Amino acid sequence: MEPVRLKRDRVVLDTSLFVNPVVRSDFGNTPTEAIESFLSLAVQIPTLEFYMPSSIFKELLNFIEPEKISGDLLTILHQKSPRKHELTCPAFLLYELIEDIRERINKGLRVAEKAVRSVQRGDEKEVIQGLRRNYRDALREGIIDSKEDVDLILLAKELNALLITVDYGAIKWAEKLGIRWLLPNKFKDYLLSSIKRAKLQQVDVS
């Protein structure tokens, strides 16, 4: 009699889950502790496969100490680049991206104009700091602004996976592409629930 194969779902992880001090609090005080805690739970869930884009995994290695991780990181957390030359996206996304960029450029211009007018009324150093902060928010908040973010979105789309990220830009475009997503502060509960569900499934088929 052939063994019963449990249905597997896929999960794509962003580095914020392990690197961001606020986000990783459910898993550990350091990136290495967070990875270790995640692996100890993930290994108990045969119904889930965990992925991370190769570009993002390389970033993660800059924050962790692999020699201190007892779990099998490379076996549980699969590194995979999206098939960039094979994936297709709806044309309306290109139109929305162009419109979004144009609005952000105009917003950045208004931020710069306001800073110039305020130089005479305030401290120059303070004005420059405010300009940088407001300009960064105007142009980068809520947008995919790196190749790593694009890899994250495309891989989740390719695998029809659940995306775990705190990045608002990634979440925004995941919504547009119909990608399922979950905030990291809910991820540990998701894992614990998946462990219980997997155990019940194993009992049912035994």
N, C-alpha and C. Protein backbone atom coordinates (compact mmCIF):
# COMPACT_ATOMS: atom_id res chain seq x y z
N MET A 1 0.84 -1.20 0.00
CA MET A 1 0.00 0.00 0.00
C MET A 1 0.88 1.25 0.00
N GLU A 2 0.63 2.15 -0.95
CA GLU A 2 1.42 3.36 -1.06
C GLU A 2 1.09 4.33 0.07
N PRO A 3 2.09 5.04 0.60
CA PRO A 3 1.83 6.01 1.66
C PRO A 3 0.98 7.16 1.14
N VAL A 4 0.11 7.68 2.00
CA VAL A 4 -0.76 8.78 1.63
C VAL A 4 0.04 10.08 1.63
N ARG A 5 -0.04 10.81 0.53
CA ARG A 5 0.66 12.08 0.42
C ARG A 5 -0.24 13.23 0.84
N LEU A 6 0.22 14.00 1.80
CA LEU A 6 -0.56 15.13 2.27
C LEU A 6 -0.44 16.28 1.28
N LYS A 7 -1.53 17.00 1.10
CA LYS A 7 -1.53 18.15 0.21
C LYS A 7 -0.63 19.24 0.79
N ARG A 8 0.25 19.79 -0.07
CA ARG A 8 1.21 20.80 0.38
C ARG A 8 0.82 22.18 -0.12
N ASP A 9 0.96 23.15 0.76
CA ASP A 9 0.81 24.54 0.38
C ASP A 9 2.19 25.19 0.43
N ARG A 10 2.34 26.32 -0.27
CA ARG A 10 3.64 26.97 -0.35
C ARG A 10 3.60 28.34 0.30
N VAL A 11 4.72 28.71 0.92
CA VAL A 11 4.84 29.97 1.63
C VAL A 11 6.14 30.65 1.19
N VAL A 12 6.06 31.92 0.82
CA VAL A 12 7.23 32.70 0.45
C VAL A 12 7.52 33.71 1.55
N LEU A 13 8.77 33.73 2.03
CA LEU A 13 9.14 34.55 3.18
C LEU A 13 10.02 35.73 2.78
N ASP A 14 9.79 36.85 3.43
CA ASP A 14 10.63 38.03 3.28
C ASP A 14 11.62 38.07 4.45
N THR A 15 12.74 38.75 4.25
CA THR A 15 13.75 38.82 5.32
C THR A 15 13.26 39.56 6.56
N SER A 16 12.27 40.44 6.40
CA SER A 16 11.78 41.21 7.55
C SER A 16 11.31 40.31 8.67
N LEU A 17 10.86 39.12 8.32
CA LEU A 17 10.39 38.16 9.33
C LEU A 17 11.48 37.82 10.34
N PHE A 18 12.74 37.85 9.91
CA PHE A 18 13.85 37.47 10.77
C PHE A 18 14.76 38.64 11.13
N VAL A 19 14.77 39.69 10.32
CA VAL A 19 15.73 40.78 10.49
C VAL A 19 15.15 41.97 11.25
N ASN A 20 13.93 42.34 10.97
CA ASN A 20 13.30 43.49 11.62
C ASN A 20 13.10 43.20 13.11
N PRO A 21 13.67 44.01 14.02
CA PRO A 21 13.59 43.73 15.46
C PRO A 21 12.15 43.66 15.98
N VAL A 22 11.28 44.49 15.45
CA VAL A 22 9.88 44.49 15.90
C VAL A 22 9.15 43.28 15.36
N VAL A 23 9.35 43.00 14.09
CA VAL A 23 8.63 41.92 13.42
C VAL A 23 9.02 40.55 13.96
N ARG A 24 10.31 40.34 14.24
CA ARG A 24 10.78 39.01 14.63
C ARG A 24 10.55 38.70 16.11
N SER A 25 9.93 39.57 16.86
CA SER A 25 9.81 39.42 18.31
C SER A 25 9.14 38.11 18.71
N ASP A 26 8.25 37.58 17.88
CA ASP A 26 7.58 36.32 18.20
C ASP A 26 8.53 35.12 18.09
N PHE A 27 9.64 35.30 17.38
CA PHE A 27 10.53 34.18 17.11
C PHE A 27 11.86 34.25 17.86
N GLY A 28 12.36 35.46 18.13
CA GLY A 28 13.65 35.53 18.82
C GLY A 28 14.18 36.95 18.90
N ASN A 29 15.20 37.12 19.74
CA ASN A 29 15.78 38.45 19.94
C ASN A 29 16.79 38.83 18.86
N THR A 30 17.34 37.83 18.18
CA THR A 30 18.31 38.08 17.12
C THR A 30 17.85 37.36 15.86
N PRO A 31 18.36 37.74 14.70
CA PRO A 31 18.02 37.02 13.47
C PRO A 31 18.32 35.53 13.54
N THR A 32 19.44 35.18 14.15
CA THR A 32 19.81 33.76 14.27
C THR A 32 18.81 33.01 15.14
N GLU A 33 18.42 33.60 16.27
CA GLU A 33 17.43 32.97 17.14
C GLU A 33 16.08 32.85 16.42
N ALA A 34 15.73 33.86 15.66
CA ALA A 34 14.45 33.84 14.94
C ALA A 34 14.42 32.72 13.91
N ILE A 35 15.52 32.56 13.18
CA ILE A 35 15.62 31.47 12.20
C ILE A 35 15.51 30.11 12.89
N GLU A 36 16.23 29.97 13.99
CA GLU A 36 16.23 28.71 14.73
C GLU A 36 14.83 28.37 15.22
N SER A 37 14.12 29.34 15.75
CA SER A 37 12.76 29.13 16.23
C SER A 37 11.83 28.76 15.08
N PHE A 38 11.97 29.46 13.96
CA PHE A 38 11.15 29.15 12.79
C PHE A 38 11.37 27.71 12.32
N LEU A 39 12.63 27.30 12.23
CA LEU A 39 12.94 25.95 11.74
C LEU A 39 12.37 24.88 12.65
N SER A 40 12.39 25.14 13.96
CA SER A 40 11.86 24.15 14.90
C SER A 40 10.37 23.92 14.72
N LEU A 41 9.66 24.94 14.25
CA LEU A 41 8.24 24.81 13.97
C LEU A 41 8.00 24.26 12.56
N ALA A 42 8.75 24.78 11.60
CA ALA A 42 8.54 24.40 10.20
C ALA A 42 8.77 22.91 9.96
N VAL A 43 9.72 22.33 10.67
CA VAL A 43 10.05 20.92 10.47
C VAL A 43 8.88 20.02 10.88
N GLN A 44 7.95 20.55 11.67
CA GLN A 44 6.80 19.77 12.14
C GLN A 44 5.60 19.83 11.19
N ILE A 45 5.78 20.53 10.06
CA ILE A 45 4.64 20.78 9.17
C ILE A 45 4.92 20.20 7.79
N PRO A 46 4.58 18.93 7.57
CA PRO A 46 4.82 18.32 6.25
C PRO A 46 3.89 18.86 5.17
N THR A 47 2.89 19.61 5.57
CA THR A 47 1.92 20.14 4.61
C THR A 47 2.33 21.48 4.02
N LEU A 48 3.47 22.04 4.46
CA LEU A 48 3.91 23.34 3.97
C LEU A 48 5.32 23.26 3.39
N GLU A 49 5.55 24.01 2.32
CA GLU A 49 6.88 24.18 1.75
C GLU A 49 7.24 25.66 1.84
N PHE A 50 8.44 25.96 2.29
CA PHE A 50 8.85 27.34 2.52
C PHE A 50 9.92 27.75 1.50
N TYR A 51 9.71 28.94 0.92
CA TYR A 51 10.60 29.43 -0.12
C TYR A 51 11.05 30.85 0.20
N MET A 52 12.21 31.19 -0.37
CA MET A 52 12.72 32.56 -0.31
C MET A 52 13.48 32.81 -1.60
N PRO A 53 13.23 33.95 -2.26
CA PRO A 53 14.02 34.26 -3.47
C PRO A 53 15.51 34.24 -3.16
N SER A 54 16.30 33.78 -4.11
CA SER A 54 17.75 33.67 -3.90
C SER A 54 18.37 35.01 -3.53
N SER A 55 17.90 36.07 -4.18
CA SER A 55 18.45 37.41 -3.90
C SER A 55 18.20 37.83 -2.46
N ILE A 56 17.04 37.46 -1.92
CA ILE A 56 16.70 37.82 -0.55
C ILE A 56 17.41 36.91 0.44
N PHE A 57 17.59 35.65 0.07
CA PHE A 57 18.31 34.73 0.95
C PHE A 57 19.75 35.19 1.15
N LYS A 58 20.36 35.74 0.09
CA LYS A 58 21.72 36.26 0.21
C LYS A 58 21.76 37.41 1.21
N GLU A 59 20.73 38.24 1.20
CA GLU A 59 20.64 39.33 2.19
C GLU A 59 20.56 38.75 3.60
N LEU A 60 19.74 37.72 3.77
CA LEU A 60 19.54 37.12 5.08
C LEU A 60 20.86 36.61 5.67
N LEU A 61 21.71 36.04 4.82
CA LEU A 61 22.98 35.49 5.30
C LEU A 61 23.89 36.55 5.90
N ASN A 62 23.66 37.81 5.56
CA ASN A 62 24.46 38.90 6.14
C ASN A 62 24.07 39.20 7.58
N PHE A 63 22.92 38.68 8.03
CA PHE A 63 22.42 39.01 9.36
C PHE A 63 22.47 37.83 10.34
N ILE A 64 22.64 36.62 9.83
CA ILE A 64 22.58 35.46 10.71
C ILE A 64 23.96 34.81 10.86
N GLU A 65 24.07 33.92 11.83
CA GLU A 65 25.28 33.14 12.05
C GLU A 65 24.94 31.67 11.75
N PRO A 66 25.12 31.22 10.52
CA PRO A 66 24.70 29.88 10.12
C PRO A 66 25.27 28.76 10.98
N GLU A 67 26.50 28.96 11.48
CA GLU A 67 27.13 27.90 12.27
C GLU A 67 26.43 27.67 13.61
N LYS A 68 25.61 28.63 14.04
CA LYS A 68 24.89 28.49 15.31
C LYS A 68 23.48 27.94 15.13
N ILE A 69 23.10 27.65 13.90
CA ILE A 69 21.75 27.14 13.62
C ILE A 69 21.79 25.63 13.56
N SER A 70 21.06 24.98 14.47
CA SER A 70 21.09 23.51 14.54
C SER A 70 20.15 22.89 13.50
N GLY A 71 19.08 23.60 13.13
CA GLY A 71 18.15 23.06 12.14
C GLY A 71 18.74 23.10 10.74
N ASP A 72 18.16 22.31 9.84
CA ASP A 72 18.66 22.23 8.47
C ASP A 72 18.05 23.35 7.65
N LEU A 73 18.69 24.50 7.65
CA LEU A 73 18.16 25.69 7.00
C LEU A 73 17.94 25.47 5.51
N LEU A 74 18.92 24.92 4.82
CA LEU A 74 18.87 24.79 3.37
C LEU A 74 17.83 23.77 2.91
N THR A 75 17.51 22.80 3.76
CA THR A 75 16.51 21.79 3.40
C THR A 75 15.10 22.31 3.61
N ILE A 76 14.90 23.07 4.67
CA ILE A 76 13.55 23.53 5.01
C ILE A 76 13.20 24.81 4.27
N LEU A 77 14.16 25.73 4.15
CA LEU A 77 13.90 26.99 3.48
C LEU A 77 14.54 26.95 2.09
N HIS A 78 13.71 26.71 1.08
CA HIS A 78 14.21 26.54 -0.29
C HIS A 78 14.51 27.89 -0.92
N GLN A 79 15.65 27.97 -1.60
CA GLN A 79 16.00 29.19 -2.33
C GLN A 79 15.62 28.99 -3.80
N LYS A 80 14.86 29.93 -4.32
CA LYS A 80 14.41 29.81 -5.71
C LYS A 80 14.21 31.19 -6.32
N SER A 81 14.78 31.40 -7.48
CA SER A 81 14.54 32.64 -8.21
C SER A 81 13.29 32.47 -9.07
N PRO A 82 12.49 33.52 -9.21
CA PRO A 82 11.31 33.41 -10.08
C PRO A 82 11.72 33.27 -11.54
N ARG A 83 10.85 32.68 -12.33
CA ARG A 83 11.12 32.51 -13.75
C ARG A 83 10.78 33.82 -14.48
N LYS A 84 11.70 34.74 -14.44
CA LYS A 84 11.47 36.09 -14.94
C LYS A 84 11.09 36.13 -16.41
N HIS A 85 11.64 35.23 -17.21
CA HIS A 85 11.40 35.26 -18.65
C HIS A 85 10.16 34.46 -19.07
N GLU A 86 9.53 33.81 -18.12
CA GLU A 86 8.36 33.00 -18.45
C GLU A 86 7.07 33.55 -17.85
N LEU A 87 7.18 34.33 -16.78
CA LEU A 87 5.99 34.87 -16.13
C LEU A 87 5.41 36.02 -16.93
N THR A 88 4.10 36.14 -16.89
CA THR A 88 3.42 37.27 -17.53
C THR A 88 2.55 37.97 -16.50
N CYS A 89 2.39 39.29 -16.68
CA CYS A 89 1.57 40.09 -15.78
C CYS A 89 0.54 40.86 -16.62
N PRO A 90 -0.63 41.11 -16.06
CA PRO A 90 -1.65 41.88 -16.79
C PRO A 90 -1.14 43.26 -17.17
N ALA A 91 -1.53 43.74 -18.35
CA ALA A 91 -1.05 45.03 -18.85
C ALA A 91 -1.49 46.19 -17.97
N PHE A 92 -2.64 46.06 -17.28
CA PHE A 92 -3.13 47.18 -16.47
C PHE A 92 -2.15 47.53 -15.35
N LEU A 93 -1.32 46.54 -14.94
CA LEU A 93 -0.34 46.82 -13.89
C LEU A 93 0.72 47.80 -14.36
N LEU A 94 1.09 47.71 -15.64
CA LEU A 94 2.07 48.66 -16.19
C LEU A 94 1.49 50.07 -16.18
N TYR A 95 0.23 50.19 -16.56
CA TYR A 95 -0.42 51.50 -16.55
C TYR A 95 -0.47 52.07 -15.12
N GLU A 96 -0.83 51.22 -14.16
CA GLU A 96 -0.92 51.68 -12.78
C GLU A 96 0.45 52.06 -12.22
N LEU A 97 1.47 51.30 -12.61
CA LEU A 97 2.82 51.60 -12.14
C LEU A 97 3.29 52.96 -12.67
N ILE A 98 3.04 53.21 -13.96
CA ILE A 98 3.43 54.49 -14.56
C ILE A 98 2.69 55.64 -13.89
N GLU A 99 1.39 55.48 -13.66
CA GLU A 99 0.60 56.52 -13.02
C GLU A 99 1.07 56.77 -11.60
N ASP A 100 1.40 55.69 -10.90
CA ASP A 100 1.88 55.81 -9.53
C ASP A 100 3.20 56.56 -9.48
N ILE A 101 4.12 56.23 -10.38
CA ILE A 101 5.42 56.89 -10.42
C ILE A 101 5.25 58.37 -10.73
N ARG A 102 4.36 58.71 -11.68
CA ARG A 102 4.16 60.12 -12.03
C ARG A 102 3.62 60.91 -10.84
N GLU A 103 2.69 60.33 -10.11
CA GLU A 103 2.14 61.00 -8.94
C GLU A 103 3.21 61.20 -7.87
N ARG A 104 4.08 60.22 -7.72
CA ARG A 104 5.13 60.33 -6.71
C ARG A 104 6.17 61.39 -7.09
N ILE A 105 6.48 61.49 -8.38
CA ILE A 105 7.41 62.53 -8.83
C ILE A 105 6.83 63.91 -8.55
N ASN A 106 5.56 64.08 -8.83
CA ASN A 106 4.91 65.37 -8.56
C ASN A 106 4.89 65.67 -7.06
N LYS A 107 4.64 64.64 -6.26
CA LYS A 107 4.63 64.82 -4.81
C LYS A 107 6.03 65.18 -4.31
N GLY A 108 7.05 64.53 -4.87
CA GLY A 108 8.43 64.85 -4.50
C GLY A 108 8.80 66.27 -4.87
N LEU A 109 8.30 66.73 -6.01
CA LEU A 109 8.56 68.10 -6.44
C LEU A 109 7.94 69.10 -5.46
N ARG A 110 6.74 68.82 -5.01
CA ARG A 110 6.09 69.72 -4.05
C ARG A 110 6.83 69.73 -2.72
N VAL A 111 7.34 68.57 -2.30
CA VAL A 111 8.12 68.50 -1.07
C VAL A 111 9.38 69.35 -1.19
N ALA A 112 10.05 69.28 -2.36
CA ALA A 112 11.27 70.05 -2.58
C ALA A 112 10.97 71.55 -2.61
N GLU A 113 9.88 71.95 -3.26
CA GLU A 113 9.51 73.36 -3.32
C GLU A 113 9.23 73.91 -1.93
N LYS A 114 8.55 73.12 -1.12
CA LYS A 114 8.23 73.54 0.25
C LYS A 114 9.51 73.72 1.06
N ALA A 115 10.47 72.82 0.87
CA ALA A 115 11.74 72.91 1.60
C ALA A 115 12.51 74.16 1.20
N VAL A 116 12.52 74.47 -0.08
CA VAL A 116 13.24 75.66 -0.57
C VAL A 116 12.64 76.93 0.04
N ARG A 117 11.32 76.99 0.08
CA ARG A 117 10.66 78.19 0.63
C ARG A 117 10.89 78.34 2.13
N SER A 118 11.14 77.22 2.81
CA SER A 118 11.27 77.27 4.27
C SER A 118 12.72 77.48 4.73
N VAL A 119 13.68 77.50 3.81
CA VAL A 119 15.09 77.66 4.19
C VAL A 119 15.32 78.96 4.95
N GLN A 120 14.72 80.05 4.48
CA GLN A 120 14.93 81.35 5.11
C GLN A 120 14.29 81.44 6.49
N ARG A 121 13.29 80.58 6.73
CA ARG A 121 12.57 80.65 8.02
C ARG A 121 13.12 79.68 9.06
N GLY A 122 13.98 78.77 8.63
CA GLY A 122 14.45 77.77 9.58
C GLY A 122 15.93 77.45 9.42
N ASP A 123 16.40 76.56 10.26
CA ASP A 123 17.79 76.13 10.22
C ASP A 123 18.02 75.29 8.96
N GLU A 124 19.08 75.58 8.22
CA GLU A 124 19.33 74.90 6.95
C GLU A 124 19.50 73.39 7.14
N LYS A 125 20.23 72.98 8.16
CA LYS A 125 20.47 71.57 8.41
C LYS A 125 19.15 70.85 8.71
N GLU A 126 18.31 71.49 9.52
CA GLU A 126 17.02 70.90 9.87
C GLU A 126 16.13 70.79 8.64
N VAL A 127 16.16 71.81 7.78
CA VAL A 127 15.36 71.79 6.56
C VAL A 127 15.79 70.66 5.64
N ILE A 128 17.10 70.47 5.49
CA ILE A 128 17.62 69.40 4.63
C ILE A 128 17.22 68.03 5.16
N GLN A 129 17.30 67.87 6.47
CA GLN A 129 16.90 66.58 7.06
C GLN A 129 15.43 66.31 6.82
N GLY A 130 14.62 67.35 6.98
CA GLY A 130 13.19 67.20 6.73
C GLY A 130 12.90 66.90 5.28
N LEU A 131 13.65 67.56 4.38
CA LEU A 131 13.48 67.31 2.95
C LEU A 131 13.79 65.86 2.60
N ARG A 132 14.88 65.36 3.11
CA ARG A 132 15.25 63.97 2.82
C ARG A 132 14.19 63.00 3.33
N ARG A 133 13.71 63.24 4.55
CA ARG A 133 12.72 62.35 5.13
C ARG A 133 11.41 62.38 4.33
N ASN A 134 10.92 63.58 4.05
CA ASN A 134 9.64 63.71 3.35
C ASN A 134 9.75 63.26 1.89
N TYR A 135 10.89 63.54 1.28
CA TYR A 135 11.10 63.13 -0.12
C TYR A 135 11.14 61.61 -0.23
N ARG A 136 11.82 60.98 0.74
CA ARG A 136 11.89 59.51 0.75
C ARG A 136 10.50 58.91 0.92
N ASP A 137 9.72 59.47 1.84
CA ASP A 137 8.36 58.97 2.06
C ASP A 137 7.50 59.15 0.81
N ALA A 138 7.65 60.29 0.15
CA ALA A 138 6.83 60.58 -1.02
C ALA A 138 7.13 59.64 -2.18
N LEU A 139 8.40 59.30 -2.36
CA LEU A 139 8.78 58.51 -3.52
C LEU A 139 8.86 57.00 -3.26
N ARG A 140 9.07 56.59 -1.99
CA ARG A 140 9.35 55.17 -1.76
C ARG A 140 8.29 54.45 -0.94
N GLU A 141 7.51 55.15 -0.15
CA GLU A 141 6.54 54.47 0.71
C GLU A 141 5.42 53.85 -0.13
N GLY A 142 5.18 52.56 0.08
CA GLY A 142 4.08 51.89 -0.60
C GLY A 142 4.36 51.51 -2.03
N ILE A 143 5.64 51.43 -2.42
CA ILE A 143 5.98 51.07 -3.79
C ILE A 143 7.06 49.99 -3.76
N ILE A 144 7.09 49.15 -4.78
CA ILE A 144 8.16 48.19 -4.93
C ILE A 144 9.36 48.93 -5.48
N ASP A 145 10.42 49.06 -4.70
CA ASP A 145 11.53 49.92 -5.11
C ASP A 145 12.87 49.19 -5.17
N SER A 146 12.82 47.87 -5.30
CA SER A 146 14.07 47.12 -5.43
C SER A 146 13.82 45.83 -6.22
N LYS A 147 14.89 45.29 -6.79
CA LYS A 147 14.78 44.02 -7.52
C LYS A 147 14.38 42.89 -6.57
N GLU A 148 14.81 42.99 -5.32
CA GLU A 148 14.47 41.96 -4.34
C GLU A 148 12.96 41.93 -4.09
N ASP A 149 12.34 43.10 -4.03
CA ASP A 149 10.89 43.17 -3.84
C ASP A 149 10.17 42.54 -5.02
N VAL A 150 10.67 42.80 -6.22
CA VAL A 150 10.06 42.22 -7.43
C VAL A 150 10.20 40.70 -7.41
N ASP A 151 11.37 40.21 -7.01
CA ASP A 151 11.58 38.76 -6.90
C ASP A 151 10.57 38.14 -5.93
N LEU A 152 10.34 38.82 -4.84
CA LEU A 152 9.42 38.33 -3.81
C LEU A 152 8.01 38.18 -4.38
N ILE A 153 7.55 39.22 -5.07
CA ILE A 153 6.20 39.21 -5.65
C ILE A 153 6.08 38.16 -6.75
N LEU A 154 7.06 38.13 -7.65
CA LEU A 154 6.99 37.20 -8.78
C LEU A 154 7.05 35.75 -8.33
N LEU A 155 7.86 35.46 -7.32
CA LEU A 155 7.96 34.08 -6.85
C LEU A 155 6.65 33.64 -6.20
N ALA A 156 6.06 34.52 -5.40
CA ALA A 156 4.77 34.19 -4.77
C ALA A 156 3.70 33.96 -5.84
N LYS A 157 3.74 34.74 -6.90
CA LYS A 157 2.79 34.59 -8.00
C LYS A 157 3.03 33.27 -8.72
N GLU A 158 4.28 32.99 -9.02
CA GLU A 158 4.63 31.76 -9.75
C GLU A 158 4.20 30.51 -8.99
N LEU A 159 4.43 30.50 -7.68
CA LEU A 159 4.14 29.31 -6.86
C LEU A 159 2.72 29.28 -6.31
N ASN A 160 1.95 30.34 -6.59
CA ASN A 160 0.61 30.46 -5.99
C ASN A 160 0.73 30.31 -4.47
N ALA A 161 1.69 31.04 -3.90
CA ALA A 161 2.05 30.86 -2.50
C ALA A 161 1.49 31.97 -1.61
N LEU A 162 1.50 31.70 -0.32
CA LEU A 162 1.18 32.71 0.68
C LEU A 162 2.42 33.56 0.92
N LEU A 163 2.29 34.86 0.81
CA LEU A 163 3.42 35.78 0.98
C LEU A 163 3.45 36.32 2.40
N ILE A 164 4.59 36.20 3.06
CA ILE A 164 4.76 36.72 4.42
C ILE A 164 5.70 37.92 4.35
N THR A 165 5.17 39.11 4.56
CA THR A 165 5.98 40.32 4.50
C THR A 165 5.30 41.45 5.25
N VAL A 166 6.11 42.40 5.70
CA VAL A 166 5.59 43.60 6.35
C VAL A 166 5.72 44.80 5.41
N ASP A 167 6.32 44.58 4.25
CA ASP A 167 6.55 45.66 3.29
C ASP A 167 5.23 46.09 2.65
N TYR A 168 4.83 47.34 2.90
CA TYR A 168 3.55 47.82 2.41
C TYR A 168 3.49 47.83 0.88
N GLY A 169 4.62 48.16 0.23
CA GLY A 169 4.65 48.16 -1.23
C GLY A 169 4.41 46.77 -1.79
N ALA A 170 5.05 45.76 -1.20
CA ALA A 170 4.86 44.38 -1.65
C ALA A 170 3.42 43.93 -1.43
N ILE A 171 2.85 44.31 -0.28
CA ILE A 171 1.46 43.94 0.00
C ILE A 171 0.52 44.60 -0.99
N LYS A 172 0.77 45.85 -1.30
CA LYS A 172 -0.07 46.59 -2.24
C LYS A 172 -0.12 45.91 -3.60
N TRP A 173 1.06 45.49 -4.10
CA TRP A 173 1.10 44.86 -5.41
C TRP A 173 0.68 43.40 -5.35
N ALA A 174 0.82 42.77 -4.21
CA ALA A 174 0.27 41.42 -4.04
C ALA A 174 -1.25 41.46 -4.17
N GLU A 175 -1.87 42.48 -3.61
CA GLU A 175 -3.32 42.65 -3.74
C GLU A 175 -3.72 42.79 -5.21
N LYS A 176 -2.97 43.57 -5.96
CA LYS A 176 -3.29 43.80 -7.37
C LYS A 176 -3.18 42.51 -8.18
N LEU A 177 -2.25 41.64 -7.79
CA LEU A 177 -2.01 40.40 -8.54
C LEU A 177 -2.77 39.20 -7.98
N GLY A 178 -3.58 39.43 -6.95
CA GLY A 178 -4.36 38.33 -6.38
C GLY A 178 -3.53 37.35 -5.58
N ILE A 179 -2.42 37.82 -5.02
CA ILE A 179 -1.55 36.97 -4.21
C ILE A 179 -2.00 37.00 -2.75
N ARG A 180 -2.09 35.84 -2.15
CA ARG A 180 -2.43 35.77 -0.73
C ARG A 180 -1.26 36.30 0.10
N TRP A 181 -1.55 37.01 1.19
CA TRP A 181 -0.47 37.54 2.02
C TRP A 181 -0.88 37.51 3.49
N LEU A 182 0.15 37.58 4.32
CA LEU A 182 -0.06 37.54 5.77
C LEU A 182 1.03 38.36 6.43
N LEU A 183 0.65 39.18 7.41
CA LEU A 183 1.63 39.96 8.15
C LEU A 183 2.44 39.05 9.08
N PRO A 184 3.73 39.34 9.26
CA PRO A 184 4.59 38.50 10.09
C PRO A 184 4.10 38.31 11.52
N ASN A 185 3.39 39.31 12.09
CA ASN A 185 2.95 39.16 13.47
C ASN A 185 1.85 38.10 13.62
N LYS A 186 1.33 37.61 12.50
CA LYS A 186 0.34 36.53 12.53
C LYS A 186 0.95 35.19 12.10
N PHE A 187 2.23 35.22 11.71
CA PHE A 187 2.84 34.05 11.09
C PHE A 187 3.04 32.90 12.08
N LYS A 188 3.46 33.20 13.31
CA LYS A 188 3.68 32.12 14.27
C LYS A 188 2.37 31.41 14.59
N ASP A 189 1.29 32.16 14.73
CA ASP A 189 -0.01 31.53 14.96
C ASP A 189 -0.40 30.65 13.77
N TYR A 190 -0.07 31.12 12.58
CA TYR A 190 -0.34 30.34 11.37
C TYR A 190 0.42 29.02 11.39
N LEU A 191 1.69 29.07 11.81
CA LEU A 191 2.49 27.86 11.88
C LEU A 191 1.94 26.88 12.93
N LEU A 192 1.61 27.40 14.10
CA LEU A 192 1.08 26.54 15.17
C LEU A 192 -0.24 25.90 14.75
N SER A 193 -1.08 26.67 14.07
CA SER A 193 -2.34 26.13 13.56
C SER A 193 -2.08 25.06 12.51
N SER A 194 -1.08 25.27 11.68
CA SER A 194 -0.75 24.30 10.63
C SER A 194 -0.21 23.01 11.23
N ILE A 195 0.54 23.12 12.33
CA ILE A 195 1.03 21.92 13.02
C ILE A 195 -0.14 21.07 13.52
N LYS A 196 -1.11 21.72 14.15
CA LYS A 196 -2.28 20.99 14.64
C LYS A 196 -3.05 20.34 13.50
N ARG A 197 -3.23 21.09 12.41
CA ARG A 197 -3.99 20.57 11.27
C ARG A 197 -3.27 19.39 10.62
N ALA A 198 -1.94 19.48 10.54
CA ALA A 198 -1.17 18.38 9.94
C ALA A 198 -1.26 17.12 10.79
N LYS A 199 -1.23 17.27 12.11
CA LYS A 199 -1.35 16.12 12.99
C LYS A 199 -2.72 15.46 12.87
N LEU A 200 -3.76 16.27 12.72
CA LEU A 200 -5.11 15.73 12.55
C LEU A 200 -5.22 14.97 11.24
N GLN A 201 -4.62 15.49 10.19
CA GLN A 201 -4.65 14.83 8.89
C GLN A 201 -3.92 13.49 8.96
N GLN A 202 -2.81 13.45 9.70
CA GLN A 202 -2.06 12.21 9.82
C GLN A 202 -2.86 11.16 10.59
N VAL A 203 -3.63 11.60 11.57
CA VAL A 203 -4.49 10.68 12.33
C VAL A 203 -5.60 10.15 11.45
N ASP A 204 -6.17 11.02 10.62
CA ASP A 204 -7.29 10.63 9.76
C ASP A 204 -6.89 9.58 8.72
N VAL A 205 -5.66 9.66 8.23
CA VAL A 205 -5.24 8.73 7.16
C VAL A 205 -4.57 7.48 7.72
N SER A 206 -4.31 7.44 9.01
CA SER A 206 -3.65 6.27 9.60
C SER A 206 -4.65 5.16 9.87
